[in-house]
Amino acid sequence: MQVSRRDFLRVTAGAGAGTAIGGLVGLGATLAPARAQAQELRITDAKAVPSICPFCSVGCATLVHVKNERIVNIEGDPRSPHNEGTLCPKGAAIYQLHVNPNRQTKVLHRKPGAGGWEVVEREWAMDRVAELIKKTRDETFIEKLPNGKLVNMTPAIFALGGATLDNEFNHVCQKFNRGLGIVAIENQARI
């Protein structure tokens, strides 16, 4: 019997479709038209508050949905010319910044040689950081190199920024760090 290529493909496609339908029916799947049921959205009756993603200096616009004074959803704002409603993976995870039960909400300090952390007041921690920065800068400040070149720098302090810092805050940090004479400045978003 002579079988053309077209007939072979037709029979093969028919047999494949029949096998697939038979498998679905055998599994109990109905072939009746399915009716989609819309779930109630968690943002129903929520107030949409425009905001900006905190992760980088692009400034992607977000809509923060608030219901009963709680954030229920965060998504990209489609009106934004920057991101047109889309968010990168970090931006899509902004919601976790607010609702993560593992997020630290207290200042912890571990004394030298101690085996554990203790909760301290924020004011004490800020004063301690300022004290250590001043001490380190004073001990390691280099005004001039051996060849007489004026450098006004400290090699003992490294400034590392975070991905959640916005453009304006990074600008102020940069000026502050340069004013202290810090030259080793980096942002962890690039590392």
N, C-alpha and C. Protein backbone atom coordinates (compact mmCIF):
# COMPACT_ATOMS: atom_id res chain seq x y z
N MET A 1 0.85 -1.18 0.00
CA MET A 1 0.00 0.00 0.00
C MET A 1 0.89 1.24 0.00
N GLN A 2 0.56 2.14 -0.86
CA GLN A 2 1.32 3.37 -1.02
C GLN A 2 0.70 4.45 -0.12
N VAL A 3 1.47 5.03 0.83
CA VAL A 3 0.98 6.09 1.72
C VAL A 3 1.79 7.35 1.43
N SER A 4 1.07 8.43 1.17
CA SER A 4 1.78 9.70 0.93
C SER A 4 2.18 10.33 2.26
N ARG A 5 3.08 11.25 2.17
CA ARG A 5 3.53 11.96 3.36
C ARG A 5 2.36 12.69 4.02
N ARG A 6 1.51 13.31 3.21
CA ARG A 6 0.36 14.06 3.72
C ARG A 6 -0.61 13.13 4.45
N ASP A 7 -0.88 11.97 3.90
CA ASP A 7 -1.78 11.01 4.55
C ASP A 7 -1.18 10.50 5.87
N PHE A 8 0.12 10.24 5.85
CA PHE A 8 0.80 9.78 7.06
C PHE A 8 0.67 10.81 8.20
N LEU A 9 0.94 12.10 7.89
CA LEU A 9 0.83 13.16 8.89
C LEU A 9 -0.61 13.31 9.37
N ARG A 10 -1.58 13.20 8.49
CA ARG A 10 -2.98 13.35 8.85
C ARG A 10 -3.39 12.23 9.82
N VAL A 11 -3.01 11.00 9.51
CA VAL A 11 -3.35 9.87 10.38
C VAL A 11 -2.64 9.99 11.72
N THR A 12 -1.38 10.39 11.71
CA THR A 12 -0.61 10.55 12.95
C THR A 12 -1.21 11.63 13.83
N ALA A 13 -1.57 12.77 13.25
CA ALA A 13 -2.18 13.86 14.02
C ALA A 13 -3.52 13.43 14.59
N GLY A 14 -4.31 12.73 13.80
CA GLY A 14 -5.61 12.25 14.28
C GLY A 14 -5.46 11.27 15.43
N ALA A 15 -4.51 10.36 15.31
CA ALA A 15 -4.28 9.37 16.37
C ALA A 15 -3.79 10.06 17.64
N GLY A 16 -2.91 11.06 17.49
CA GLY A 16 -2.41 11.80 18.66
C GLY A 16 -3.52 12.55 19.36
N ALA A 17 -4.38 13.22 18.58
CA ALA A 17 -5.49 13.96 19.17
C ALA A 17 -6.46 13.02 19.87
N GLY A 18 -6.74 11.88 19.24
CA GLY A 18 -7.64 10.91 19.85
C GLY A 18 -7.09 10.36 21.15
N THR A 19 -5.80 10.11 21.18
CA THR A 19 -5.16 9.61 22.40
C THR A 19 -5.23 10.65 23.51
N ALA A 20 -4.99 11.90 23.16
CA ALA A 20 -5.04 12.98 24.16
C ALA A 20 -6.44 13.14 24.72
N ILE A 21 -7.44 13.13 23.87
CA ILE A 21 -8.83 13.28 24.33
C ILE A 21 -9.22 12.08 25.19
N GLY A 22 -8.84 10.89 24.73
CA GLY A 22 -9.14 9.70 25.52
C GLY A 22 -8.49 9.74 26.89
N GLY A 23 -7.27 10.22 26.95
CA GLY A 23 -6.58 10.35 28.23
C GLY A 23 -7.28 11.32 29.16
N LEU A 24 -7.73 12.44 28.62
CA LEU A 24 -8.43 13.43 29.45
C LEU A 24 -9.75 12.87 29.97
N VAL A 25 -10.50 12.21 29.11
CA VAL A 25 -11.77 11.64 29.53
C VAL A 25 -11.53 10.54 30.56
N GLY A 26 -10.48 9.76 30.37
CA GLY A 26 -10.14 8.70 31.32
C GLY A 26 -9.77 9.25 32.68
N LEU A 27 -9.23 10.43 32.73
CA LEU A 27 -8.86 11.06 34.00
C LEU A 27 -10.03 11.76 34.66
N GLY A 28 -11.15 11.77 33.98
CA GLY A 28 -12.34 12.41 34.56
C GLY A 28 -12.50 13.85 34.16
N ALA A 29 -11.72 14.31 33.20
CA ALA A 29 -11.85 15.69 32.75
C ALA A 29 -13.08 15.82 31.88
N THR A 30 -13.84 16.83 32.09
CA THR A 30 -15.02 17.07 31.27
C THR A 30 -14.64 17.91 30.06
N LEU A 31 -15.26 17.62 28.95
CA LEU A 31 -14.99 18.39 27.74
C LEU A 31 -16.03 19.48 27.52
N ALA A 32 -16.93 19.63 28.49
CA ALA A 32 -17.92 20.71 28.41
C ALA A 32 -17.18 22.03 28.58
N PRO A 33 -17.70 23.09 27.97
CA PRO A 33 -17.04 24.40 28.11
C PRO A 33 -16.89 24.79 29.58
N ALA A 34 -15.71 25.21 29.92
CA ALA A 34 -15.43 25.58 31.31
C ALA A 34 -15.87 27.01 31.56
N ARG A 35 -16.41 27.24 32.74
CA ARG A 35 -16.79 28.60 33.14
C ARG A 35 -15.75 29.13 34.10
N ALA A 36 -15.18 30.25 33.75
CA ALA A 36 -14.18 30.87 34.62
C ALA A 36 -14.88 31.58 35.76
N GLN A 37 -14.41 31.34 36.94
CA GLN A 37 -14.96 32.02 38.10
C GLN A 37 -13.93 33.02 38.59
N ALA A 38 -14.32 34.27 38.64
CA ALA A 38 -13.40 35.32 39.09
C ALA A 38 -13.37 35.33 40.60
N GLN A 39 -12.17 35.29 41.15
CA GLN A 39 -12.02 35.39 42.59
C GLN A 39 -12.11 36.86 42.98
N GLU A 40 -12.51 37.10 44.21
CA GLU A 40 -12.56 38.46 44.70
C GLU A 40 -11.12 38.94 44.91
N LEU A 41 -10.80 40.06 44.34
CA LEU A 41 -9.44 40.58 44.45
C LEU A 41 -9.17 41.08 45.86
N ARG A 42 -7.93 40.88 46.32
CA ARG A 42 -7.59 41.38 47.65
C ARG A 42 -7.50 42.89 47.67
N ILE A 43 -7.45 43.52 46.48
CA ILE A 43 -7.37 44.98 46.45
C ILE A 43 -8.76 45.62 46.31
N THR A 44 -9.83 44.79 46.35
CA THR A 44 -11.17 45.35 46.32
C THR A 44 -11.35 46.24 47.54
N ASP A 45 -11.83 47.43 47.34
CA ASP A 45 -12.05 48.44 48.39
C ASP A 45 -10.75 48.96 49.01
N ALA A 46 -9.60 48.69 48.40
CA ALA A 46 -8.33 49.20 48.92
C ALA A 46 -8.03 50.55 48.26
N LYS A 47 -7.35 51.41 49.00
CA LYS A 47 -6.94 52.71 48.47
C LYS A 47 -5.58 52.56 47.82
N ALA A 48 -5.44 53.00 46.57
CA ALA A 48 -4.17 52.92 45.85
C ALA A 48 -3.37 54.20 46.11
N VAL A 49 -2.21 54.05 46.73
CA VAL A 49 -1.34 55.19 47.05
C VAL A 49 -0.11 55.12 46.14
N PRO A 50 0.13 56.15 45.32
CA PRO A 50 1.32 56.12 44.46
C PRO A 50 2.59 56.26 45.29
N SER A 51 3.62 55.52 44.90
CA SER A 51 4.90 55.57 45.59
C SER A 51 6.00 55.24 44.58
N ILE A 52 7.22 55.07 45.10
CA ILE A 52 8.37 54.77 44.25
C ILE A 52 9.11 53.59 44.85
N CYS A 53 9.60 52.71 44.00
CA CYS A 53 10.37 51.55 44.43
C CYS A 53 11.66 52.03 45.10
N PRO A 54 12.03 51.46 46.25
CA PRO A 54 13.21 51.92 46.97
C PRO A 54 14.52 51.25 46.57
N PHE A 55 14.51 50.34 45.58
CA PHE A 55 15.69 49.51 45.37
C PHE A 55 16.79 50.12 44.53
N CYS A 56 16.57 51.02 43.65
CA CYS A 56 17.67 51.59 42.87
C CYS A 56 17.32 53.01 42.48
N SER A 57 18.14 53.63 41.72
CA SER A 57 17.93 55.03 41.39
C SER A 57 17.09 55.23 40.13
N VAL A 58 16.52 54.17 39.56
CA VAL A 58 15.67 54.33 38.38
C VAL A 58 14.40 55.09 38.74
N GLY A 59 13.82 54.77 39.88
CA GLY A 59 12.62 55.45 40.33
C GLY A 59 11.35 54.88 39.74
N CYS A 60 11.24 53.56 39.65
CA CYS A 60 10.04 52.93 39.12
C CYS A 60 8.85 53.26 40.02
N ALA A 61 7.75 53.65 39.39
CA ALA A 61 6.55 54.02 40.14
C ALA A 61 5.80 52.77 40.58
N THR A 62 5.25 52.83 41.77
CA THR A 62 4.46 51.72 42.30
C THR A 62 3.11 52.23 42.78
N LEU A 63 2.18 51.30 42.91
CA LEU A 63 0.90 51.57 43.54
C LEU A 63 0.84 50.69 44.79
N VAL A 64 0.73 51.33 45.94
CA VAL A 64 0.64 50.62 47.20
C VAL A 64 -0.83 50.58 47.59
N HIS A 65 -1.41 49.39 47.65
CA HIS A 65 -2.81 49.24 47.99
C HIS A 65 -2.94 49.06 49.50
N VAL A 66 -3.74 49.93 50.12
CA VAL A 66 -3.89 49.94 51.56
C VAL A 66 -5.36 49.69 51.91
N LYS A 67 -5.57 48.76 52.82
CA LYS A 67 -6.92 48.46 53.30
C LYS A 67 -6.85 48.33 54.81
N ASN A 68 -7.70 49.05 55.51
CA ASN A 68 -7.72 49.04 56.98
C ASN A 68 -6.35 49.37 57.56
N GLU A 69 -5.70 50.37 56.98
CA GLU A 69 -4.39 50.86 57.43
C GLU A 69 -3.30 49.79 57.34
N ARG A 70 -3.47 48.79 56.47
CA ARG A 70 -2.46 47.75 56.25
C ARG A 70 -2.19 47.64 54.77
N ILE A 71 -0.93 47.42 54.41
CA ILE A 71 -0.57 47.21 53.00
C ILE A 71 -1.02 45.81 52.60
N VAL A 72 -1.82 45.74 51.54
CA VAL A 72 -2.30 44.43 51.08
C VAL A 72 -1.68 44.03 49.75
N ASN A 73 -1.11 44.98 49.01
CA ASN A 73 -0.52 44.66 47.71
C ASN A 73 0.34 45.83 47.24
N ILE A 74 1.41 45.51 46.52
CA ILE A 74 2.23 46.53 45.88
C ILE A 74 2.51 46.06 44.47
N GLU A 75 2.27 46.93 43.50
CA GLU A 75 2.51 46.58 42.10
C GLU A 75 3.02 47.80 41.35
N GLY A 76 3.50 47.59 40.14
CA GLY A 76 3.99 48.68 39.32
C GLY A 76 2.85 49.58 38.86
N ASP A 77 3.15 50.85 38.70
CA ASP A 77 2.15 51.82 38.25
C ASP A 77 2.20 51.92 36.73
N PRO A 78 1.13 51.53 36.04
CA PRO A 78 1.14 51.57 34.57
C PRO A 78 1.22 52.97 33.98
N ARG A 79 0.99 54.00 34.80
CA ARG A 79 1.06 55.39 34.29
C ARG A 79 2.49 55.90 34.23
N SER A 80 3.45 55.16 34.78
CA SER A 80 4.83 55.62 34.84
C SER A 80 5.53 55.48 33.50
N PRO A 81 6.21 56.53 33.04
CA PRO A 81 6.98 56.40 31.80
C PRO A 81 8.26 55.58 31.98
N HIS A 82 8.70 55.40 33.22
CA HIS A 82 9.93 54.63 33.49
C HIS A 82 9.70 53.13 33.34
N ASN A 83 8.70 52.64 34.04
CA ASN A 83 8.52 51.19 34.10
C ASN A 83 7.20 50.71 33.50
N GLU A 84 6.31 51.60 33.15
CA GLU A 84 5.04 51.27 32.49
C GLU A 84 4.31 50.13 33.19
N GLY A 85 4.35 50.10 34.52
CA GLY A 85 3.64 49.09 35.29
C GLY A 85 4.43 47.83 35.58
N THR A 86 5.64 47.71 35.06
CA THR A 86 6.43 46.52 35.33
C THR A 86 7.40 46.79 36.48
N LEU A 87 7.87 45.73 37.11
CA LEU A 87 8.87 45.84 38.16
C LEU A 87 9.88 44.72 37.98
N CYS A 88 11.12 44.99 38.33
CA CYS A 88 12.16 43.96 38.29
C CYS A 88 11.90 42.98 39.44
N PRO A 89 12.65 41.87 39.53
CA PRO A 89 12.41 40.93 40.63
C PRO A 89 12.55 41.56 42.02
N LYS A 90 13.50 42.47 42.17
CA LYS A 90 13.63 43.12 43.48
C LYS A 90 12.40 44.00 43.77
N GLY A 91 11.98 44.75 42.75
CA GLY A 91 10.80 45.60 42.92
C GLY A 91 9.54 44.80 43.16
N ALA A 92 9.44 43.64 42.53
CA ALA A 92 8.26 42.80 42.72
C ALA A 92 8.20 42.24 44.13
N ALA A 93 9.32 42.27 44.85
CA ALA A 93 9.37 41.73 46.21
C ALA A 93 9.25 42.82 47.27
N ILE A 94 8.90 44.04 46.88
CA ILE A 94 8.79 45.14 47.85
C ILE A 94 7.83 44.80 48.98
N TYR A 95 6.76 44.12 48.65
CA TYR A 95 5.75 43.77 49.65
C TYR A 95 6.39 43.07 50.85
N GLN A 96 7.41 42.25 50.58
CA GLN A 96 8.08 41.52 51.66
C GLN A 96 8.85 42.44 52.61
N LEU A 97 9.21 43.64 52.15
CA LEU A 97 9.87 44.59 53.06
C LEU A 97 8.96 44.95 54.22
N HIS A 98 7.66 44.91 53.98
CA HIS A 98 6.70 45.38 54.97
C HIS A 98 6.05 44.27 55.78
N VAL A 99 5.93 43.09 55.22
CA VAL A 99 5.16 42.04 55.90
C VAL A 99 6.01 40.86 56.35
N ASN A 100 7.31 40.88 56.10
CA ASN A 100 8.16 39.75 56.45
C ASN A 100 8.28 39.62 57.97
N PRO A 101 7.88 38.49 58.55
CA PRO A 101 7.96 38.35 60.01
C PRO A 101 9.40 38.25 60.52
N ASN A 102 10.36 38.00 59.64
CA ASN A 102 11.77 37.89 60.04
C ASN A 102 12.50 39.23 59.99
N ARG A 103 11.81 40.28 59.61
CA ARG A 103 12.44 41.61 59.51
C ARG A 103 12.81 42.12 60.90
N GLN A 104 14.05 42.56 61.03
CA GLN A 104 14.51 43.10 62.31
C GLN A 104 13.87 44.47 62.56
N THR A 105 13.33 44.65 63.73
CA THR A 105 12.71 45.94 64.08
C THR A 105 13.37 46.58 65.29
N LYS A 106 14.39 45.91 65.83
CA LYS A 106 15.10 46.45 66.99
C LYS A 106 16.59 46.52 66.67
N VAL A 107 17.29 47.41 67.36
CA VAL A 107 18.74 47.55 67.17
C VAL A 107 19.42 46.51 68.06
N LEU A 108 20.28 45.71 67.44
CA LEU A 108 21.01 44.68 68.18
C LEU A 108 22.49 45.04 68.24
N HIS A 109 23.14 44.71 69.36
CA HIS A 109 24.57 44.99 69.55
C HIS A 109 25.21 43.77 70.20
N ARG A 110 26.38 43.41 69.69
CA ARG A 110 27.13 42.33 70.31
C ARG A 110 28.47 42.90 70.77
N LYS A 111 28.68 42.89 72.05
CA LYS A 111 29.92 43.43 72.61
C LYS A 111 31.09 42.54 72.21
N PRO A 112 32.30 43.11 72.14
CA PRO A 112 33.47 42.29 71.79
C PRO A 112 33.62 41.11 72.75
N GLY A 113 33.75 39.92 72.19
CA GLY A 113 33.92 38.71 72.99
C GLY A 113 32.63 38.11 73.50
N ALA A 114 31.51 38.79 73.31
CA ALA A 114 30.23 38.27 73.80
C ALA A 114 29.74 37.15 72.89
N GLY A 115 28.94 36.27 73.45
CA GLY A 115 28.43 35.14 72.68
C GLY A 115 27.08 35.41 72.04
N GLY A 116 26.43 36.50 72.40
CA GLY A 116 25.10 36.78 71.86
C GLY A 116 24.85 38.26 71.67
N TRP A 117 23.70 38.54 71.10
CA TRP A 117 23.29 39.91 70.81
C TRP A 117 22.39 40.42 71.92
N GLU A 118 22.44 41.73 72.16
CA GLU A 118 21.51 42.34 73.11
C GLU A 118 20.82 43.52 72.44
N VAL A 119 19.59 43.78 72.83
CA VAL A 119 18.82 44.88 72.28
C VAL A 119 19.29 46.17 72.95
N VAL A 120 19.56 47.20 72.12
CA VAL A 120 20.00 48.49 72.65
C VAL A 120 19.12 49.59 72.07
N GLU A 121 19.19 50.75 72.68
CA GLU A 121 18.43 51.90 72.19
C GLU A 121 19.06 52.42 70.90
N ARG A 122 18.24 52.91 70.00
CA ARG A 122 18.73 53.42 68.72
C ARG A 122 19.65 54.62 68.93
N GLU A 123 19.31 55.52 69.83
CA GLU A 123 20.14 56.70 70.08
C GLU A 123 21.54 56.29 70.55
N TRP A 124 21.60 55.30 71.45
CA TRP A 124 22.89 54.82 71.92
C TRP A 124 23.70 54.26 70.76
N ALA A 125 23.06 53.47 69.89
CA ALA A 125 23.76 52.86 68.75
C ALA A 125 24.28 53.92 67.80
N MET A 126 23.48 54.96 67.53
CA MET A 126 23.92 56.02 66.62
C MET A 126 25.09 56.78 67.23
N ASP A 127 25.03 57.06 68.52
CA ASP A 127 26.14 57.74 69.18
C ASP A 127 27.40 56.88 69.15
N ARG A 128 27.24 55.57 69.33
CA ARG A 128 28.38 54.66 69.32
C ARG A 128 29.02 54.60 67.94
N VAL A 129 28.21 54.53 66.89
CA VAL A 129 28.74 54.52 65.52
C VAL A 129 29.50 55.82 65.24
N ALA A 130 28.92 56.96 65.62
CA ALA A 130 29.58 58.25 65.40
C ALA A 130 30.91 58.32 66.17
N GLU A 131 30.92 57.81 67.39
CA GLU A 131 32.14 57.80 68.21
C GLU A 131 33.24 56.95 67.55
N LEU A 132 32.86 55.77 67.04
CA LEU A 132 33.85 54.90 66.41
C LEU A 132 34.35 55.47 65.08
N ILE A 133 33.47 56.11 64.32
CA ILE A 133 33.91 56.74 63.07
C ILE A 133 34.91 57.84 63.36
N LYS A 134 34.61 58.69 64.34
CA LYS A 134 35.52 59.79 64.68
C LYS A 134 36.86 59.25 65.18
N LYS A 135 36.82 58.24 66.05
CA LYS A 135 38.05 57.66 66.58
C LYS A 135 38.91 57.08 65.45
N THR A 136 38.29 56.30 64.56
CA THR A 136 39.03 55.68 63.46
C THR A 136 39.59 56.73 62.52
N ARG A 137 38.79 57.74 62.21
CA ARG A 137 39.26 58.80 61.30
C ARG A 137 40.43 59.56 61.91
N ASP A 138 40.30 59.92 63.18
CA ASP A 138 41.38 60.65 63.83
C ASP A 138 42.68 59.85 63.88
N GLU A 139 42.57 58.54 64.09
CA GLU A 139 43.76 57.69 64.20
C GLU A 139 44.42 57.41 62.85
N THR A 140 43.65 57.46 61.76
CA THR A 140 44.20 57.02 60.47
C THR A 140 44.20 58.11 59.40
N PHE A 141 43.87 59.33 59.76
CA PHE A 141 43.76 60.40 58.76
C PHE A 141 45.14 60.72 58.16
N ILE A 142 45.19 60.80 56.85
CA ILE A 142 46.43 61.16 56.14
C ILE A 142 46.19 62.49 55.44
N GLU A 143 46.94 63.49 55.88
CA GLU A 143 46.78 64.81 55.26
C GLU A 143 47.61 64.92 53.98
N LYS A 144 48.86 64.47 54.05
CA LYS A 144 49.75 64.54 52.88
C LYS A 144 50.49 63.23 52.71
N LEU A 145 50.78 62.91 51.46
CA LEU A 145 51.61 61.74 51.14
C LEU A 145 53.07 62.08 51.40
N PRO A 146 53.94 61.05 51.47
CA PRO A 146 55.36 61.33 51.70
C PRO A 146 55.97 62.27 50.67
N ASN A 147 55.42 62.29 49.45
CA ASN A 147 55.96 63.19 48.42
C ASN A 147 55.40 64.61 48.54
N GLY A 148 54.57 64.87 49.57
CA GLY A 148 54.05 66.21 49.81
C GLY A 148 52.70 66.50 49.17
N LYS A 149 52.15 65.55 48.44
CA LYS A 149 50.86 65.77 47.78
C LYS A 149 49.74 65.74 48.82
N LEU A 150 48.87 66.75 48.80
CA LEU A 150 47.74 66.88 49.72
C LEU A 150 46.65 65.89 49.32
N VAL A 151 46.26 65.00 50.25
CA VAL A 151 45.23 64.00 49.95
C VAL A 151 44.04 64.06 50.89
N ASN A 152 44.21 64.45 52.15
CA ASN A 152 43.10 64.54 53.11
C ASN A 152 42.18 63.32 53.04
N MET A 153 42.68 62.16 53.41
CA MET A 153 41.88 60.94 53.31
C MET A 153 42.14 60.00 54.47
N THR A 154 41.21 59.07 54.65
CA THR A 154 41.40 58.01 55.63
C THR A 154 41.23 56.67 54.95
N PRO A 155 42.25 55.82 54.98
CA PRO A 155 42.15 54.52 54.31
C PRO A 155 41.49 53.45 55.18
N ALA A 156 41.13 53.76 56.42
CA ALA A 156 40.66 52.75 57.35
C ALA A 156 39.14 52.60 57.39
N ILE A 157 38.42 53.42 56.64
CA ILE A 157 36.96 53.34 56.65
C ILE A 157 36.48 53.05 55.24
N PHE A 158 35.56 52.09 55.15
CA PHE A 158 34.95 51.71 53.87
C PHE A 158 33.47 52.01 53.97
N ALA A 159 32.90 52.69 52.99
CA ALA A 159 31.48 53.00 52.98
C ALA A 159 30.77 52.11 51.97
N LEU A 160 29.81 51.35 52.44
CA LEU A 160 29.04 50.45 51.57
C LEU A 160 27.59 50.87 51.61
N GLY A 161 27.06 51.30 50.46
CA GLY A 161 25.66 51.68 50.36
C GLY A 161 24.80 50.46 50.12
N GLY A 162 23.50 50.64 50.19
CA GLY A 162 22.56 49.54 49.99
C GLY A 162 21.69 49.77 48.78
N ALA A 163 21.09 48.69 48.29
CA ALA A 163 20.25 48.77 47.10
C ALA A 163 18.94 49.49 47.37
N THR A 164 18.57 49.66 48.62
CA THR A 164 17.31 50.35 48.92
C THR A 164 17.49 51.85 49.06
N LEU A 165 18.69 52.35 48.83
CA LEU A 165 18.92 53.79 48.95
C LEU A 165 18.53 54.47 47.64
N ASP A 166 17.84 55.59 47.74
CA ASP A 166 17.45 56.30 46.53
C ASP A 166 18.53 57.29 46.11
N ASN A 167 18.32 57.93 44.98
CA ASN A 167 19.30 58.85 44.41
C ASN A 167 19.68 59.97 45.36
N GLU A 168 18.68 60.57 45.97
CA GLU A 168 18.93 61.72 46.84
C GLU A 168 19.75 61.32 48.07
N PHE A 169 19.38 60.18 48.68
CA PHE A 169 20.11 59.72 49.85
C PHE A 169 21.53 59.35 49.49
N ASN A 170 21.72 58.69 48.34
CA ASN A 170 23.07 58.35 47.88
C ASN A 170 23.91 59.61 47.67
N HIS A 171 23.31 60.67 47.15
CA HIS A 171 24.04 61.92 46.93
C HIS A 171 24.52 62.49 48.27
N VAL A 172 23.64 62.51 49.26
CA VAL A 172 24.01 63.04 50.58
C VAL A 172 25.08 62.15 51.22
N CYS A 173 24.93 60.82 51.11
CA CYS A 173 25.94 59.91 51.66
C CYS A 173 27.30 60.12 51.01
N GLN A 174 27.28 60.30 49.70
CA GLN A 174 28.53 60.51 48.97
C GLN A 174 29.23 61.78 49.48
N LYS A 175 28.49 62.85 49.63
CA LYS A 175 29.07 64.10 50.13
C LYS A 175 29.59 63.93 51.57
N PHE A 176 28.82 63.25 52.40
CA PHE A 176 29.22 63.02 53.79
C PHE A 176 30.51 62.20 53.84
N ASN A 177 30.53 61.09 53.08
CA ASN A 177 31.72 60.22 53.09
C ASN A 177 32.95 60.93 52.54
N ARG A 178 32.79 61.65 51.45
CA ARG A 178 33.93 62.38 50.88
C ARG A 178 34.40 63.47 51.85
N GLY A 179 33.46 64.07 52.57
CA GLY A 179 33.82 65.10 53.55
C GLY A 179 34.65 64.53 54.69
N LEU A 180 34.40 63.27 55.04
CA LEU A 180 35.19 62.62 56.08
C LEU A 180 36.56 62.18 55.57
N GLY A 181 36.73 62.16 54.25
CA GLY A 181 38.00 61.71 53.67
C GLY A 181 37.97 60.25 53.27
N ILE A 182 36.79 59.67 53.26
CA ILE A 182 36.66 58.25 52.87
C ILE A 182 36.77 58.17 51.35
N VAL A 183 37.63 57.29 50.86
CA VAL A 183 37.79 57.12 49.42
C VAL A 183 37.27 55.76 48.95
N ALA A 184 37.17 54.81 49.86
CA ALA A 184 36.66 53.47 49.50
C ALA A 184 35.14 53.48 49.65
N ILE A 185 34.45 53.85 48.58
CA ILE A 185 32.99 53.97 48.61
C ILE A 185 32.43 53.06 47.53
N GLU A 186 31.49 52.22 47.89
CA GLU A 186 30.87 51.29 46.94
C GLU A 186 29.40 51.14 47.27
N ASN A 187 28.64 50.61 46.35
CA ASN A 187 27.24 50.32 46.57
C ASN A 187 27.02 48.84 46.34
N GLN A 188 26.35 48.15 47.25
CA GLN A 188 26.19 46.71 47.13
C GLN A 188 25.35 46.31 45.94
N ALA A 189 24.63 47.23 45.33
CA ALA A 189 23.85 46.90 44.13
C ALA A 189 24.77 46.54 42.97
N ARG A 190 26.02 46.98 43.02
CA ARG A 190 26.98 46.69 41.93
C ARG A 190 27.83 45.47 42.24
N ILE A 191 27.84 45.02 43.49
CA ILE A 191 28.73 43.91 43.87
C ILE A 191 28.13 42.58 43.45
